[in-house]
Amino acid sequence: MADIFTEAAIVEIARILNCEWKHRGNNYRLMLEDAATDRKLVLEIYPSIKIGDRVGNLISVNTATAQMQLHFCTGYVVSEMLGEVTFYAEANGKVSGLVVERVVGCSMYANVDRSVLSGDFTNLGPEVWLSGIALSLTEHLLDSK
């Protein structure tokens, strides 16, 4: 597995999210805050750690009301324009993603059929096409299998 979460990658992610970061042993911790809305979010990136019988990347997001994890993260996409970072994982034609926003927001999409990412969104209900649009940024990076 390629080491995708290098210190340079963490610096880029922190820049997009406009936050500070700390290296804490086996993880990088990024803290996002918005004083105007009193929202806080902690993003932890664990590169190449043991997960069960395998080694992989773990992305963890903690808020006051939610705890989300993405196991075996295979990559990420930054969007300067949207002010967000999309962490993604793919397995067996399904894509999962955690989207962390500069405005201290987070969304998670799990087991999205890969065909939804490039399909005709007009043929889908909004409850389905939202995930397709959110994860479509990852399509060009996914395995070509």
Protein backbone atom coordinates (compact mmCIF):
# COMPACT_ATOMS: atom_id res chain seq x y z
CA MET A 1 0.00 0.00 0.00
CA ALA A 2 1.35 3.41 -0.93
CA ASP A 3 1.88 5.83 1.94
CA ILE A 4 -0.62 8.50 0.90
CA PHE A 5 -0.80 10.35 4.21
CA THR A 6 2.65 11.89 4.30
CA GLU A 7 3.37 15.06 6.25
CA ALA A 8 3.08 17.02 2.98
CA ALA A 9 -0.42 15.56 2.47
CA ILE A 10 -1.42 16.54 6.01
CA VAL A 11 -0.16 20.09 5.41
CA GLU A 12 -2.27 20.29 2.24
CA ILE A 13 -5.37 18.92 4.00
CA ALA A 14 -4.95 21.36 6.90
CA ARG A 15 -4.54 24.26 4.46
CA ILE A 16 -7.77 23.40 2.64
CA LEU A 17 -9.63 23.01 5.95
CA ASN A 18 -7.97 26.14 7.38
CA CYS A 19 -6.94 24.46 10.61
CA GLU A 20 -3.92 23.54 12.68
CA TRP A 21 -2.60 19.99 12.87
CA LYS A 22 -0.47 17.95 15.26
CA HIS A 23 1.42 14.72 14.83
CA ARG A 24 0.47 12.51 17.79
CA GLY A 25 2.45 9.29 17.61
CA ASN A 26 0.50 7.04 15.26
CA ASN A 27 -1.90 9.72 13.97
CA TYR A 28 -2.36 13.27 12.79
CA ARG A 29 -4.99 15.34 14.58
CA LEU A 30 -6.70 18.30 12.94
CA MET A 31 -9.10 20.46 14.94
CA LEU A 32 -11.69 22.60 13.17
CA GLU A 33 -13.67 25.27 15.02
CA ASP A 34 -16.24 27.88 14.09
CA ALA A 35 -16.77 30.32 16.98
CA ALA A 36 -19.77 31.96 15.28
CA THR A 37 -21.75 28.70 15.28
CA ASP A 38 -19.93 27.06 18.23
CA ARG A 39 -19.23 24.01 16.07
CA LYS A 40 -16.15 21.86 16.63
CA LEU A 41 -14.85 18.86 14.75
CA VAL A 42 -11.80 16.67 15.32
CA LEU A 43 -10.34 14.83 12.32
CA GLU A 44 -7.80 12.12 13.04
CA ILE A 45 -5.83 10.42 10.29
CA TYR A 46 -4.14 7.13 11.18
CA PRO A 47 -1.80 6.15 8.33
CA SER A 48 -0.88 2.49 7.89
CA ILE A 49 -2.16 1.06 11.16
CA LYS A 50 -3.23 -2.47 12.00
CA ILE A 51 -6.96 -2.92 11.40
CA GLY A 52 -7.92 -6.50 12.19
CA ASP A 53 -5.58 -8.80 10.27
CA ARG A 54 -4.54 -6.14 7.75
CA VAL A 55 -2.82 -2.76 7.66
CA GLY A 56 -4.61 0.27 6.29
CA ASN A 57 -5.48 3.92 6.72
CA LEU A 58 -8.17 4.92 9.21
CA ILE A 59 -9.98 8.27 9.12
CA SER A 60 -11.90 9.25 12.25
CA VAL A 61 -14.20 12.26 12.73
CA ASN A 62 -15.58 13.28 16.12
CA THR A 63 -18.16 15.98 16.74
CA ALA A 64 -20.29 16.78 19.77
CA THR A 65 -23.03 14.55 18.35
CA ALA A 66 -21.35 12.02 16.07
CA GLN A 67 -18.45 9.60 15.70
CA MET A 68 -17.61 8.42 12.16
CA GLN A 69 -14.83 6.21 10.85
CA LEU A 70 -13.68 5.23 7.39
CA HIS A 71 -11.56 2.07 7.45
CA PHE A 72 -9.05 1.22 4.72
CA CYS A 73 -9.12 4.70 3.20
CA THR A 74 -7.48 4.44 -0.22
CA GLY A 75 -7.20 8.12 -1.04
CA TYR A 76 -8.43 11.64 -0.72
CA VAL A 77 -9.43 14.56 -2.92
CA VAL A 78 -9.09 18.20 -1.90
CA SER A 79 -11.34 20.89 -3.29
CA GLU A 80 -10.10 24.41 -2.77
CA MET A 81 -13.26 25.83 -4.35
CA LEU A 82 -15.63 23.85 -2.10
CA GLY A 83 -13.37 24.11 0.93
CA GLU A 84 -13.54 20.40 1.62
CA VAL A 85 -11.59 17.17 1.65
CA THR A 86 -13.16 13.88 0.55
CA PHE A 87 -11.60 10.73 1.98
CA TYR A 88 -12.67 7.58 0.14
CA ALA A 89 -12.42 3.80 0.13
CA GLU A 90 -13.45 1.32 -2.54
CA ALA A 91 -14.20 -2.37 -2.25
CA ASN A 92 -16.09 -4.72 -4.58
CA GLY A 93 -17.57 -1.98 -6.75
CA LYS A 94 -18.80 0.03 -3.76
CA VAL A 95 -17.41 3.39 -2.71
CA SER A 96 -17.57 4.95 0.75
CA GLY A 97 -16.55 8.48 1.55
CA LEU A 98 -16.18 10.91 4.40
CA VAL A 99 -16.39 14.58 3.38
CA VAL A 100 -14.94 17.11 5.85
CA GLU A 101 -15.79 20.75 5.24
CA ARG A 102 -13.88 23.90 6.16
CA VAL A 103 -17.12 25.29 7.65
CA VAL A 104 -16.90 22.53 10.29
CA GLY A 105 -19.28 20.13 8.62
CA CYS A 106 -19.02 16.46 7.77
CA SER A 107 -20.97 14.00 5.61
CA MET A 108 -20.59 10.27 5.23
CA TYR A 109 -21.68 8.06 2.34
CA ALA A 110 -21.26 4.29 2.58
CA ASN A 111 -21.52 1.41 0.10
CA VAL A 112 -22.46 3.64 -2.83
CA ASP A 113 -22.61 1.64 -6.04
CA ARG A 114 -19.81 2.86 -8.26
CA SER A 115 -22.19 3.22 -11.23
CA VAL A 116 -23.99 6.04 -9.40
CA LEU A 117 -20.89 8.24 -9.59
CA SER A 118 -21.11 8.77 -13.32
CA GLY A 119 -24.70 7.86 -14.04
CA ASP A 120 -27.45 10.15 -15.23
CA PHE A 121 -28.49 11.88 -12.02
CA THR A 122 -31.84 12.88 -13.55
CA ASN A 123 -32.88 9.21 -13.47
CA LEU A 124 -32.27 8.96 -9.72
CA GLY A 125 -34.12 10.25 -6.70
CA PRO A 126 -32.44 13.03 -4.68
CA GLU A 127 -31.82 10.61 -1.84
CA VAL A 128 -29.56 8.66 -4.21
CA TRP A 129 -27.99 11.29 -6.46
CA LEU A 130 -26.69 13.32 -3.53
CA SER A 131 -24.17 10.58 -2.72
CA GLY A 132 -23.26 10.22 -6.39
CA ILE A 133 -22.51 13.92 -6.74
CA ALA A 134 -20.57 14.05 -3.47
CA LEU A 135 -18.36 11.09 -4.39
CA SER A 136 -18.04 11.82 -8.12
CA LEU A 137 -14.85 13.79 -7.36
CA THR A 138 -13.18 10.46 -6.57
CA GLU A 139 -14.15 8.62 -9.76
CA HIS A 140 -10.99 9.37 -11.74
CA LEU A 141 -8.87 8.07 -8.83
CA LEU A 142 -10.64 4.77 -8.25
CA ASP A 143 -9.22 1.43 -9.39
CA SER A 144 -9.90 0.91 -13.08
CA LYS A 145 -11.15 -2.65 -12.42
